[in-house]
Amino acid sequence: MANTPLNAIGRNIRRLRQKNRWSQATAAEKLDLSIPAFSKIELGITCCTFDRLEQIAELFSVPVMQIISEEGQALAEQQAQEIARLNEVVRAQELEIIRLQDRTISLYEELARDKV
């Protein structure tokens, strides 16, 4: 099968469906499509209207560009990596906050002892 934009769209839709652990029947039902019609979209046989692409994007909670981009999977992986990196930053900041809270408590205790 040739590598066409329709094939890339179909691959991206299939990847999103599989990520959600849905069968083609489940995805087709959610989109109010027949299973054969949905299968043809995934195989790159049938072209989607923009309205249908928006409906699919909404179903999978992704931007339309992620579906139509040949780099859709790479984009999703980059986003996942960025989220993981940001989670690490947040975790480090939370640890710093805890350290500063401990230090603040120690200083208050020290002040209380000095006043006695």
PDB file of N, CA and C in Angstrom:
ATOM      1  N   MET A   1       0.847  -1.178   0.000  1.00  0.00           N
ATOM      2  CA  MET A   1       0.000   0.000   0.000  1.00  0.00           C
ATOM      3  C   MET A   1       0.893   1.243   0.000  1.00  0.00           C
ATOM      4  N   ALA A   2       0.609   2.186  -0.870  1.00  0.00           N
ATOM      5  CA  ALA A   2       1.414   3.394  -0.987  1.00  0.00           C
ATOM      6  C   ALA A   2       1.271   4.246   0.274  1.00  0.00           C
ATOM      7  N   ASN A   3       2.310   5.020   0.538  1.00  0.00           N
ATOM      8  CA  ASN A   3       2.299   5.899   1.698  1.00  0.00           C
ATOM      9  C   ASN A   3       1.677   7.229   1.287  1.00  0.00           C
ATOM     10  N   THR A   4       0.362   7.348   1.440  1.00  0.00           N
ATOM     11  CA  THR A   4      -0.360   8.554   1.059  1.00  0.00           C
ATOM     12  C   THR A   4      -0.834   9.271   2.314  1.00  0.00           C
ATOM     13  N   PRO A   5      -1.268  10.529   2.151  1.00  0.00           N
ATOM     14  CA  PRO A   5      -1.817  11.239   3.315  1.00  0.00           C
ATOM     15  C   PRO A   5      -2.994  10.489   3.948  1.00  0.00           C
ATOM     16  N   LEU A   6      -3.817   9.842   3.118  1.00  0.00           N
ATOM     17  CA  LEU A   6      -4.940   9.081   3.678  1.00  0.00           C
ATOM     18  C   LEU A   6      -4.440   7.927   4.539  1.00  0.00           C
ATOM     19  N   ASN A   7      -3.356   7.288   4.106  1.00  0.00           N
ATOM     20  CA  ASN A   7      -2.786   6.193   4.903  1.00  0.00           C
ATOM     21  C   ASN A   7      -2.270   6.715   6.235  1.00  0.00           C
ATOM     22  N   ALA A   8      -1.637   7.891   6.226  1.00  0.00           N
ATOM     23  CA  ALA A   8      -1.124   8.475   7.469  1.00  0.00           C
ATOM     24  C   ALA A   8      -2.275   8.802   8.412  1.00  0.00           C
ATOM     25  N   ILE A   9      -3.343   9.358   7.862  1.00  0.00           N
ATOM     26  CA  ILE A   9      -4.521   9.666   8.686  1.00  0.00           C
ATOM     27  C   ILE A   9      -5.077   8.381   9.280  1.00  0.00           C
ATOM     28  N   GLY A  10      -5.229   7.364   8.449  1.00  0.00           N
ATOM     29  CA  GLY A  10      -5.740   6.079   8.925  1.00  0.00           C
ATOM     30  C   GLY A  10      -4.872   5.469  10.002  1.00  0.00           C
ATOM     31  N   ARG A  11      -3.551   5.519   9.809  1.00  0.00           N
ATOM     32  CA  ARG A  11      -2.624   4.980  10.822  1.00  0.00           C
ATOM     33  C   ARG A  11      -2.769   5.737  12.137  1.00  0.00           C
ATOM     34  N   ASN A  12      -2.883   7.061  12.045  1.00  0.00           N
ATOM     35  CA  ASN A  12      -3.023   7.866  13.266  1.00  0.00           C
ATOM     36  C   ASN A  12      -4.332   7.540  13.983  1.00  0.00           C
ATOM     37  N   ILE A  13      -5.410   7.374  13.226  1.00  0.00           N
ATOM     38  CA  ILE A  13      -6.703   7.032  13.835  1.00  0.00           C
ATOM     39  C   ILE A  13      -6.627   5.648  14.466  1.00  0.00           C
ATOM     40  N   ARG A  14      -6.018   4.689  13.768  1.00  0.00           N
ATOM     41  CA  ARG A  14      -5.864   3.330  14.311  1.00  0.00           C
ATOM     42  C   ARG A  14      -5.052   3.365  15.612  1.00  0.00           C
ATOM     43  N   ARG A  15      -3.975   4.128  15.602  1.00  0.00           N
ATOM     44  CA  ARG A  15      -3.131   4.231  16.798  1.00  0.00           C
ATOM     45  C   ARG A  15      -3.929   4.786  17.974  1.00  0.00           C
ATOM     46  N   LEU A  16      -4.723   5.831  17.712  1.00  0.00           N
ATOM     47  CA  LEU A  16      -5.531   6.420  18.780  1.00  0.00           C
ATOM     48  C   LEU A  16      -6.584   5.431  19.279  1.00  0.00           C
ATOM     49  N   ARG A  17      -7.201   4.711  18.346  1.00  0.00           N
ATOM     50  CA  ARG A  17      -8.204   3.715  18.734  1.00  0.00           C
ATOM     51  C   ARG A  17      -7.561   2.626  19.593  1.00  0.00           C
ATOM     52  N   GLN A  18      -6.419   2.136  19.173  1.00  0.00           N
ATOM     53  CA  GLN A  18      -5.741   1.079  19.919  1.00  0.00           C
ATOM     54  C   GLN A  18      -5.251   1.578  21.274  1.00  0.00           C
ATOM     55  N   LYS A  19      -4.831   2.826  21.317  1.00  0.00           N
ATOM     56  CA  LYS A  19      -4.397   3.416  22.589  1.00  0.00           C
ATOM     57  C   LYS A  19      -5.538   3.390  23.609  1.00  0.00           C
ATOM     58  N   ASN A  20      -6.756   3.583  23.107  1.00  0.00           N
ATOM     59  CA  ASN A  20      -7.935   3.546  23.974  1.00  0.00           C
ATOM     60  C   ASN A  20      -8.454   2.130  24.197  1.00  0.00           C
ATOM     61  N   ARG A  21      -7.801   1.151  23.561  1.00  0.00           N
ATOM     62  CA  ARG A  21      -8.194  -0.259  23.660  1.00  0.00           C
ATOM     63  C   ARG A  21      -9.627  -0.481  23.190  1.00  0.00           C
ATOM     64  N   TRP A  22      -9.975   0.209  22.106  1.00  0.00           N
ATOM     65  CA  TRP A  22     -11.295   0.051  21.515  1.00  0.00           C
ATOM     66  C   TRP A  22     -11.203  -0.833  20.284  1.00  0.00           C
ATOM     67  N   SER A  23     -12.238  -1.591  20.057  1.00  0.00           N
ATOM     68  CA  SER A  23     -12.341  -2.331  18.802  1.00  0.00           C
ATOM     69  C   SER A  23     -12.798  -1.361  17.724  1.00  0.00           C
ATOM     70  N   GLN A  24     -12.698  -1.796  16.473  1.00  0.00           N
ATOM     71  CA  GLN A  24     -13.231  -0.958  15.397  1.00  0.00           C
ATOM     72  C   GLN A  24     -14.729  -0.769  15.585  1.00  0.00           C
ATOM     73  N   ALA A  25     -15.405  -1.808  16.065  1.00  0.00           N
ATOM     74  CA  ALA A  25     -16.856  -1.715  16.283  1.00  0.00           C
ATOM     75  C   ALA A  25     -17.196  -0.637  17.308  1.00  0.00           C
ATOM     76  N   THR A  26     -16.429  -0.577  18.383  1.00  0.00           N
ATOM     77  CA  THR A  26     -16.675   0.425  19.425  1.00  0.00           C
ATOM     78  C   THR A  26     -16.463   1.832  18.885  1.00  0.00           C
ATOM     79  N   ALA A  27     -15.333   2.028  18.193  1.00  0.00           N
ATOM     80  CA  ALA A  27     -15.050   3.356  17.635  1.00  0.00           C
ATOM     81  C   ALA A  27     -16.098   3.735  16.603  1.00  0.00           C
ATOM     82  N   ALA A  28     -16.469   2.805  15.749  1.00  0.00           N
ATOM     83  CA  ALA A  28     -17.473   3.075  14.719  1.00  0.00           C
ATOM     84  C   ALA A  28     -18.798   3.479  15.357  1.00  0.00           C
ATOM     85  N   GLU A  29     -19.181   2.766  16.410  1.00  0.00           N
ATOM     86  CA  GLU A  29     -20.437   3.085  17.092  1.00  0.00           C
ATOM     87  C   GLU A  29     -20.396   4.489  17.697  1.00  0.00           C
ATOM     88  N   LYS A  30     -19.273   4.835  18.323  1.00  0.00           N
ATOM     89  CA  LYS A  30     -19.142   6.163  18.931  1.00  0.00           C
ATOM     90  C   LYS A  30     -19.184   7.269  17.890  1.00  0.00           C
ATOM     91  N   LEU A  31     -18.774   6.947  16.665  1.00  0.00           N
ATOM     92  CA  LEU A  31     -18.778   7.936  15.578  1.00  0.00           C
ATOM     93  C   LEU A  31     -20.031   7.835  14.717  1.00  0.00           C
ATOM     94  N   ASP A  32     -20.935   6.939  15.085  1.00  0.00           N
ATOM     95  CA  ASP A  32     -22.166   6.709  14.326  1.00  0.00           C
ATOM     96  C   ASP A  32     -21.852   6.318  12.874  1.00  0.00           C
ATOM     97  N   LEU A  33     -20.890   5.383  12.738  1.00  0.00           N
ATOM     98  CA  LEU A  33     -20.482   4.860  11.434  1.00  0.00           C
ATOM     99  C   LEU A  33     -20.667   3.355  11.426  1.00  0.00           C
ATOM    100  N   SER A  34     -20.753   2.785  10.245  1.00  0.00           N
ATOM    101  CA  SER A  34     -20.730   1.332  10.149  1.00  0.00           C
ATOM    102  C   SER A  34     -19.288   0.873  10.357  1.00  0.00           C
ATOM    103  N   ILE A  35     -19.137  -0.373  10.753  1.00  0.00           N
ATOM    104  CA  ILE A  35     -17.783  -0.918  10.944  1.00  0.00           C
ATOM    105  C   ILE A  35     -17.010  -0.891   9.628  1.00  0.00           C
ATOM    106  N   PRO A  36     -17.611  -1.312   8.488  1.00  0.00           N
ATOM    107  CA  PRO A  36     -16.861  -1.252   7.228  1.00  0.00           C
ATOM    108  C   PRO A  36     -16.433   0.174   6.864  1.00  0.00           C
ATOM    109  N   ALA A  37     -17.294   1.157   7.126  1.00  0.00           N
ATOM    110  CA  ALA A  37     -16.938   2.552   6.810  1.00  0.00           C
ATOM    111  C   ALA A  37     -15.758   3.003   7.662  1.00  0.00           C
ATOM    112  N   PHE A  38     -15.787   2.654   8.941  1.00  0.00           N
ATOM    113  CA  PHE A  38     -14.679   3.030   9.819  1.00  0.00           C
ATOM    114  C   PHE A  38     -13.401   2.316   9.398  1.00  0.00           C
ATOM    115  N   SER A  39     -13.518   1.042   9.060  1.00  0.00           N
ATOM    116  CA  SER A  39     -12.362   0.273   8.621  1.00  0.00           C
ATOM    117  C   SER A  39     -11.725   0.903   7.382  1.00  0.00           C
ATOM    118  N   LYS A  40     -12.537   1.365   6.455  1.00  0.00           N
ATOM    119  CA  LYS A  40     -12.016   2.003   5.237  1.00  0.00           C
ATOM    120  C   LYS A  40     -11.271   3.297   5.568  1.00  0.00           C
ATOM    121  N   ILE A  41     -11.714   4.015   6.589  1.00  0.00           N
ATOM    122  CA  ILE A  41     -11.008   5.234   7.012  1.00  0.00           C
ATOM    123  C   ILE A  41      -9.637   4.838   7.559  1.00  0.00           C
ATOM    124  N   GLU A  42      -9.607   3.816   8.425  1.00  0.00           N
ATOM    125  CA  GLU A  42      -8.331   3.376   9.004  1.00  0.00           C
ATOM    126  C   GLU A  42      -7.375   2.840   7.941  1.00  0.00           C
ATOM    127  N   LEU A  43      -7.913   2.214   6.919  1.00  0.00           N
ATOM    128  CA  LEU A  43      -7.067   1.659   5.862  1.00  0.00           C
ATOM    129  C   LEU A  43      -6.628   2.708   4.840  1.00  0.00           C
ATOM    130  N   GLY A  44      -7.183   3.914   4.943  1.00  0.00           N
ATOM    131  CA  GLY A  44      -6.819   4.968   4.007  1.00  0.00           C
ATOM    132  C   GLY A  44      -7.519   4.831   2.664  1.00  0.00           C
ATOM    133  N   ILE A  45      -8.612   4.075   2.638  1.00  0.00           N
ATOM    134  CA  ILE A  45      -9.381   3.884   1.408  1.00  0.00           C
ATOM    135  C   ILE A  45     -10.386   5.013   1.228  1.00  0.00           C
ATOM    136  N   THR A  46     -10.952   5.458   2.342  1.00  0.00           N
ATOM    137  CA  THR A  46     -11.982   6.499   2.320  1.00  0.00           C
ATOM    138  C   THR A  46     -11.440   7.806   2.869  1.00  0.00           C
ATOM    139  N   CYS A  47     -11.776   8.882   2.204  1.00  0.00           N
ATOM    140  CA  CYS A  47     -11.391  10.223   2.635  1.00  0.00           C
ATOM    141  C   CYS A  47     -12.428  10.745   3.624  1.00  0.00           C
ATOM    142  N   CYS A  48     -11.976  11.428   4.656  1.00  0.00           N
ATOM    143  CA  CYS A  48     -12.871  12.025   5.651  1.00  0.00           C
ATOM    144  C   CYS A  48     -13.131  13.486   5.328  1.00  0.00           C
ATOM    145  N   THR A  49     -14.333  13.933   5.619  1.00  0.00           N
ATOM    146  CA  THR A  49     -14.604  15.366   5.564  1.00  0.00           C
ATOM    147  C   THR A  49     -13.947  16.015   6.772  1.00  0.00           C
ATOM    148  N   PHE A  50     -13.813  17.327   6.717  1.00  0.00           N
ATOM    149  CA  PHE A  50     -13.226  18.026   7.864  1.00  0.00           C
ATOM    150  C   PHE A  50     -14.122  17.862   9.082  1.00  0.00           C
ATOM    151  N   ASP A  51     -15.445  17.887   8.874  1.00  0.00           N
ATOM    152  CA  ASP A  51     -16.363  17.685   9.995  1.00  0.00           C
ATOM    153  C   ASP A  51     -16.134  16.323  10.655  1.00  0.00           C
ATOM    154  N   ARG A  52     -15.916  15.296   9.838  1.00  0.00           N
ATOM    155  CA  ARG A  52     -15.682  13.956  10.378  1.00  0.00           C
ATOM    156  C   ARG A  52     -14.343  13.929  11.135  1.00  0.00           C
ATOM    157  N   LEU A  53     -13.319  14.592  10.568  1.00  0.00           N
ATOM    158  CA  LEU A  53     -12.027  14.663  11.259  1.00  0.00           C
ATOM    159  C   LEU A  53     -12.168  15.363  12.604  1.00  0.00           C
ATOM    160  N   GLU A  54     -12.955  16.431  12.652  1.00  0.00           N
ATOM    161  CA  GLU A  54     -13.182  17.117  13.925  1.00  0.00           C
ATOM    162  C   GLU A  54     -13.887  16.205  14.915  1.00  0.00           C
ATOM    163  N   GLN A  55     -14.855  15.426  14.422  1.00  0.00           N
ATOM    164  CA  GLN A  55     -15.577  14.494  15.280  1.00  0.00           C
ATOM    165  C   GLN A  55     -14.622  13.426  15.837  1.00  0.00           C
ATOM    166  N   ILE A  56     -13.744  12.917  14.991  1.00  0.00           N
ATOM    167  CA  ILE A  56     -12.780  11.906  15.415  1.00  0.00           C
ATOM    168  C   ILE A  56     -11.801  12.511  16.428  1.00  0.00           C
ATOM    169  N   ALA A  57     -11.334  13.716  16.142  1.00  0.00           N
ATOM    170  CA  ALA A  57     -10.408  14.392  17.058  1.00  0.00           C
ATOM    171  C   ALA A  57     -11.061  14.605  18.422  1.00  0.00           C
ATOM    172  N   GLU A  58     -12.309  15.014  18.413  1.00  0.00           N
ATOM    173  CA  GLU A  58     -13.029  15.228  19.674  1.00  0.00           C
ATOM    174  C   GLU A  58     -13.194  13.909  20.428  1.00  0.00           C
ATOM    175  N   LEU A  59     -13.510  12.850  19.700  1.00  0.00           N
ATOM    176  CA  LEU A  59     -13.676  11.547  20.328  1.00  0.00           C
ATOM    177  C   LEU A  59     -12.405  11.128  21.060  1.00  0.00           C
ATOM    178  N   PHE A  60     -11.248  11.365  20.445  1.00  0.00           N
ATOM    179  CA  PHE A  60      -9.976  10.949  21.034  1.00  0.00           C
ATOM    180  C   PHE A  60      -9.297  12.059  21.837  1.00  0.00           C
ATOM    181  N   SER A  61      -9.955  13.216  21.943  1.00  0.00           N
ATOM    182  CA  SER A  61      -9.420  14.351  22.718  1.00  0.00           C
ATOM    183  C   SER A  61      -8.030  14.765  22.245  1.00  0.00           C
ATOM    184  N   VAL A  62      -7.880  14.904  20.935  1.00  0.00           N
ATOM    185  CA  VAL A  62      -6.620  15.349  20.338  1.00  0.00           C
ATOM    186  C   VAL A  62      -6.933  16.440  19.321  1.00  0.00           C
ATOM    187  N   PRO A  63      -5.944  17.272  18.988  1.00  0.00           N
ATOM    188  CA  PRO A  63      -6.163  18.256  17.927  1.00  0.00           C
ATOM    189  C   PRO A  63      -6.241  17.560  16.562  1.00  0.00           C
ATOM    190  N   VAL A  64      -6.995  18.149  15.649  1.00  0.00           N
ATOM    191  CA  VAL A  64      -7.117  17.600  14.292  1.00  0.00           C
ATOM    192  C   VAL A  64      -5.736  17.430  13.668  1.00  0.00           C
ATOM    193  N   MET A  65      -4.826  18.370  13.924  1.00  0.00           N
ATOM    194  CA  MET A  65      -3.482  18.293  13.337  1.00  0.00           C
ATOM    195  C   MET A  65      -2.769  17.001  13.723  1.00  0.00           C
ATOM    196  N   GLN A  66      -3.045  16.481  14.897  1.00  0.00           N
ATOM    197  CA  GLN A  66      -2.399  15.236  15.302  1.00  0.00           C
ATOM    198  C   GLN A  66      -2.918  14.073  14.461  1.00  0.00           C
ATOM    199  N   ILE A  67      -4.134  14.173  13.985  1.00  0.00           N
ATOM    200  CA  ILE A  67      -4.704  13.113  13.164  1.00  0.00           C
ATOM    201  C   ILE A  67      -4.220  13.211  11.723  1.00  0.00           C
ATOM    202  N   ILE A  68      -4.155  14.425  11.193  1.00  0.00           N
ATOM    203  CA  ILE A  68      -3.816  14.562   9.777  1.00  0.00           C
ATOM    204  C   ILE A  68      -2.323  14.636   9.521  1.00  0.00           C
ATOM    205  N   SER A  69      -1.544  14.833  10.559  1.00  0.00           N
ATOM    206  CA  SER A  69      -0.100  14.956  10.407  1.00  0.00           C
ATOM    207  C   SER A  69       0.544  13.590  10.192  1.00  0.00           C
ATOM    208  N   GLU A  70       1.440  13.520   9.229  1.00  0.00           N
ATOM    209  CA  GLU A  70       2.187  12.277   9.047  1.00  0.00           C
ATOM    210  C   GLU A  70       3.083  12.024  10.247  1.00  0.00           C
ATOM    211  N   GLU A  71       3.334  13.055  10.997  1.00  0.00           N
ATOM    212  CA  GLU A  71       4.151  12.935  12.197  1.00  0.00           C
ATOM    213  C   GLU A  71       3.278  12.812  13.436  1.00  0.00           C
ATOM    214  N   GLY A  72       2.017  12.443  13.267  1.00  0.00           N
ATOM    215  CA  GLY A  72       1.082  12.359  14.391  1.00  0.00           C
ATOM    216  C   GLY A  72       1.598  11.514  15.535  1.00  0.00           C
ATOM    217  N   GLN A  73       2.140  10.353  15.226  1.00  0.00           N
ATOM    218  CA  GLN A  73       2.646   9.479  16.276  1.00  0.00           C
ATOM    219  C   GLN A  73       3.871  10.103  16.931  1.00  0.00           C
ATOM    220  N   ALA A  74       4.750  10.675  16.118  1.00  0.00           N
ATOM    221  CA  ALA A  74       5.948  11.311  16.678  1.00  0.00           C
ATOM    222  C   ALA A  74       5.539  12.482  17.566  1.00  0.00           C
ATOM    223  N   LEU A  75       4.520  13.232  17.129  1.00  0.00           N
ATOM    224  CA  LEU A  75       4.030  14.356  17.922  1.00  0.00           C
ATOM    225  C   LEU A  75       3.496  13.864  19.260  1.00  0.00           C
ATOM    226  N   ALA A  76       2.733  12.798  19.240  1.00  0.00           N
ATOM    227  CA  ALA A  76       2.183  12.250  20.479  1.00  0.00           C
ATOM    228  C   ALA A  76       3.305  11.789  21.410  1.00  0.00           C
ATOM    229  N   GLU A  77       4.324  11.156  20.846  1.00  0.00           N
ATOM    230  CA  GLU A  77       5.451  10.703  21.660  1.00  0.00           C
ATOM    231  C   GLU A  77       6.222  11.886  22.234  1.00  0.00           C
ATOM    232  N   GLN A  78       6.393  12.941  21.439  1.00  0.00           N
ATOM    233  CA  GLN A  78       7.075  14.136  21.932  1.00  0.00           C
ATOM    234  C   GLN A  78       6.286  14.764  23.074  1.00  0.00           C
ATOM    235  N   GLN A  79       4.964  14.803  22.915  1.00  0.00           N
ATOM    236  CA  GLN A  79       4.127  15.371  23.966  1.00  0.00           C
ATOM    237  C   GLN A  79       4.232  14.542  25.240  1.00  0.00           C
ATOM    238  N   ALA A  80       4.251  13.226  25.108  1.00  0.00           N
ATOM    239  CA  ALA A  80       4.377  12.356  26.273  1.00  0.00           C
ATOM    240  C   ALA A  80       5.719  12.579  26.970  1.00  0.00           C
ATOM    241  N   GLN A  81       6.779  12.739  26.175  1.00  0.00           N
ATOM    242  CA  GLN A  81       8.098  12.998  26.752  1.00  0.00           C
ATOM    243  C   GLN A  81       8.125  14.345  27.464  1.00  0.00           C
ATOM    244  N   GLU A  82       7.487  15.338  26.868  1.00  0.00           N
ATOM    245  CA  GLU A  82       7.446  16.671  27.483  1.00  0.00           C
ATOM    246  C   GLU A  82       6.654  16.629  28.786  1.00  0.00           C
ATOM    247  N   ILE A  83       5.565  15.886  28.803  1.00  0.00           N
ATOM    248  CA  ILE A  83       4.770  15.749  30.023  1.00  0.00           C
ATOM    249  C   ILE A  83       5.599  15.071  31.110  1.00  0.00           C
ATOM    250  N   ALA A  84       6.322  14.029  30.742  1.00  0.00           N
ATOM    251  CA  ALA A  84       7.179  13.336  31.718  1.00  0.00           C
ATOM    252  C   ALA A  84       8.242  14.281  32.256  1.00  0.00           C
ATOM    253  N   ARG A  85       8.847  15.082  31.370  1.00  0.00           N
ATOM    254  CA  ARG A  85       9.874  16.034  31.798  1.00  0.00           C
ATOM    255  C   ARG A  85       9.272  17.066  32.759  1.00  0.00           C
ATOM    256  N   LEU A  86       8.104  17.581  32.419  1.00  0.00           N
ATOM    257  CA  LEU A  86       7.452  18.580  33.271  1.00  0.00           C
ATOM    258  C   LEU A  86       7.045  17.979  34.616  1.00  0.00           C
ATOM    259  N   ASN A  87       6.633  16.711  34.616  1.00  0.00           N
ATOM    260  CA  ASN A  87       6.324  16.039  35.882  1.00  0.00           C
ATOM    261  C   ASN A  87       7.549  15.966  36.777  1.00  0.00           C
ATOM    262  N   GLU A  88       8.705  15.726  36.184  1.00  0.00           N
ATOM    263  CA  GLU A  88       9.953  15.694  36.958  1.00  0.00           C
ATOM    264  C   GLU A  88      10.268  17.073  37.533  1.00  0.00           C
ATOM    265  N   VAL A  89      10.053  18.120  36.748  1.00  0.00           N
ATOM    266  CA  VAL A  89      10.280  19.490  37.227  1.00  0.00           C
ATOM    267  C   VAL A  89       9.352  19.789  38.399  1.00  0.00           C
ATOM    268  N   VAL A  90       8.086  19.425  38.257  1.00  0.00           N
ATOM    269  CA  VAL A  90       7.120  19.665  39.330  1.00  0.00           C
ATOM    270  C   VAL A  90       7.511  18.879  40.582  1.00  0.00           C
ATOM    271  N   ARG A  91       7.907  17.630  40.391  1.00  0.00           N
ATOM    272  CA  ARG A  91       8.329  16.801  41.533  1.00  0.00           C
ATOM    273  C   ARG A  91       9.517  17.436  42.251  1.00  0.00           C
ATOM    274  N   ALA A  92      10.494  17.940  41.504  1.00  0.00           N
ATOM    275  CA  ALA A  92      11.666  18.593  42.105  1.00  0.00           C
ATOM    276  C   ALA A  92      11.243  19.853  42.866  1.00  0.00           C
ATOM    277  N   GLN A  93      10.326  20.616  42.300  1.00  0.00           N
ATOM    278  CA  GLN A  93       9.857  21.828  42.977  1.00  0.00           C
ATOM    279  C   GLN A  93       9.085  21.485  44.240  1.00  0.00           C
ATOM    280  N   GLU A  94       8.292  20.412  44.185  1.00  0.00           N
ATOM    281  CA  GLU A  94       7.565  19.993  45.380  1.00  0.00           C
ATOM    282  C   GLU A  94       8.537  19.592  46.492  1.00  0.00           C
ATOM    283  N   LEU A  95       9.604  18.887  46.127  1.00  0.00           N
ATOM    284  CA  LEU A  95      10.612  18.518  47.124  1.00  0.00           C
ATOM    285  C   LEU A  95      11.290  19.748  47.708  1.00  0.00           C
ATOM    286  N   GLU A  96      11.551  20.733  46.880  1.00  0.00           N
ATOM    287  CA  GLU A  96      12.156  21.985  47.361  1.00  0.00           C
ATOM    288  C   GLU A  96      11.201  22.711  48.311  1.00  0.00           C
ATOM    289  N   ILE A  97       9.917  22.712  47.998  1.00  0.00           N
ATOM    290  CA  ILE A  97       8.921  23.335  48.874  1.00  0.00           C
ATOM    291  C   ILE A  97       8.900  22.636  50.224  1.00  0.00           C
ATOM    292  N   ILE A  98       8.921  21.310  50.211  1.00  0.00           N
ATOM    293  CA  ILE A  98       8.933  20.548  51.464  1.00  0.00           C
ATOM    294  C   ILE A  98      10.189  20.872  52.268  1.00  0.00           C
ATOM    295  N   ARG A  99      11.329  20.963  51.599  1.00  0.00           N
ATOM    296  CA  ARG A  99      12.585  21.295  52.281  1.00  0.00           C
ATOM    297  C   ARG A  99      12.489  22.684  52.912  1.00  0.00           C
ATOM    298  N   LEU A 100      11.939  23.639  52.169  1.00  0.00           N
ATOM    299  CA  LEU A 100      11.807  25.003  52.693  1.00  0.00           C
ATOM    300  C   LEU A 100      10.801  25.064  53.848  1.00  0.00           C
ATOM    301  N   GLN A 101       9.740  24.278  53.763  1.00  0.00           N
ATOM    302  CA  GLN A 101       8.780  24.234  54.868  1.00  0.00           C
ATOM    303  C   GLN A 101       9.442  23.678  56.129  1.00  0.00           C
ATOM    304  N   ASP A 102      10.218  22.617  55.958  1.00  0.00           N
ATOM    305  CA  ASP A 102      10.944  22.047  57.102  1.00  0.00           C
ATOM    306  C   ASP A 102      11.887  23.080  57.704  1.00  0.00           C
ATOM    307  N   ARG A 103      12.576  23.807  56.862  1.00  0.00           N
ATOM    308  CA  ARG A 103      13.515  24.839  57.328  1.00  0.00           C
ATOM    309  C   ARG A 103      12.769  25.952  58.068  1.00  0.00           C
ATOM    310  N   THR A 104      11.621  26.348  57.536  1.00  0.00           N
ATOM    311  CA  THR A 104      10.811  27.394  58.180  1.00  0.00           C
ATOM    312  C   THR A 104      10.351  26.937  59.561  1.00  0.00           C
ATOM    313  N   ILE A 105       9.904  25.696  59.661  1.00  0.00           N
ATOM    314  CA  ILE A 105       9.478  25.155  60.954  1.00  0.00           C
ATOM    315  C   ILE A 105      10.646  25.144  61.932  1.00  0.00           C
ATOM    316  N   SER A 106      11.800  24.733  61.458  1.00  0.00           N
ATOM    317  CA  SER A 106      12.988  24.719  62.323  1.00  0.00           C
ATOM    318  C   SER A 106      13.314  26.119  62.825  1.00  0.00           C
ATOM    319  N   LEU A 107      13.226  27.121  61.952  1.00  0.00           N
ATOM    320  CA  LEU A 107      13.520  28.494  62.354  1.00  0.00           C
ATOM    321  C   LEU A 107      12.498  29.012  63.365  1.00  0.00           C
ATOM    322  N   TYR A 108      11.211  28.680  63.179  1.00  0.00           N
ATOM    323  CA  TYR A 108      10.198  29.082  64.152  1.00  0.00           C
ATOM    324  C   TYR A 108      10.460  28.434  65.508  1.00  0.00           C
ATOM    325  N   GLU A 109      10.835  27.164  65.485  1.00  0.00           N
ATOM    326  CA  GLU A 109      11.142  26.478  66.735  1.00  0.00           C
ATOM    327  C   GLU A 109      12.352  27.105  67.416  1.00  0.00           C
ATOM    328  N   GLU A 110      13.342  27.469  66.620  1.00  0.00           N
ATOM    329  CA  GLU A 110      14.535  28.116  67.155  1.00  0.00           C
ATOM    330  C   GLU A 110      14.176  29.474  67.779  1.00  0.00           C
ATOM    331  N   LEU A 111      13.336  30.235  67.116  1.00  0.00           N
ATOM    332  CA  LEU A 111      12.899  31.519  67.658  1.00  0.00           C
ATOM    333  C   LEU A 111      12.121  31.340  68.946  1.00  0.00           C
ATOM    334  N   ALA A 112      11.267  30.313  68.981  1.00  0.00           N
ATOM    335  CA  ALA A 112      10.480  30.054  70.196  1.00  0.00           C
ATOM    336  C   ALA A 112      11.385  29.684  71.352  1.00  0.00           C
ATOM    337  N   ARG A 113      12.439  28.914  71.102  1.00  0.00           N
ATOM    338  CA  ARG A 113      13.374  28.541  72.173  1.00  0.00           C
ATOM    339  C   ARG A 113      14.151  29.775  72.657  1.00  0.00           C
ATOM    340  N   ASP A 114      14.502  30.664  71.739  1.00  0.00           N
ATOM    341  CA  ASP A 114      15.276  31.862  72.099  1.00  0.00           C
ATOM    342  C   ASP A 114      14.431  32.820  72.958  1.00  0.00           C
ATOM    343  N   LYS A 115      13.123  32.823  72.781  1.00  0.00           N
ATOM    344  CA  LYS A 115      12.255  33.728  73.533  1.00  0.00           C
ATOM    345  C   LYS A 115      12.014  33.240  74.948  1.00  0.00           C
ATOM    346  N   VAL A 116      12.236  31.959  75.183  1.00  0.00           N
ATOM    347  CA  VAL A 116      11.984  31.391  76.512  1.00  0.00           C
ATOM    348  C   VAL A 116      13.088  31.672  77.449  1.00  0.00           C
TER     349      VAL A 116
END
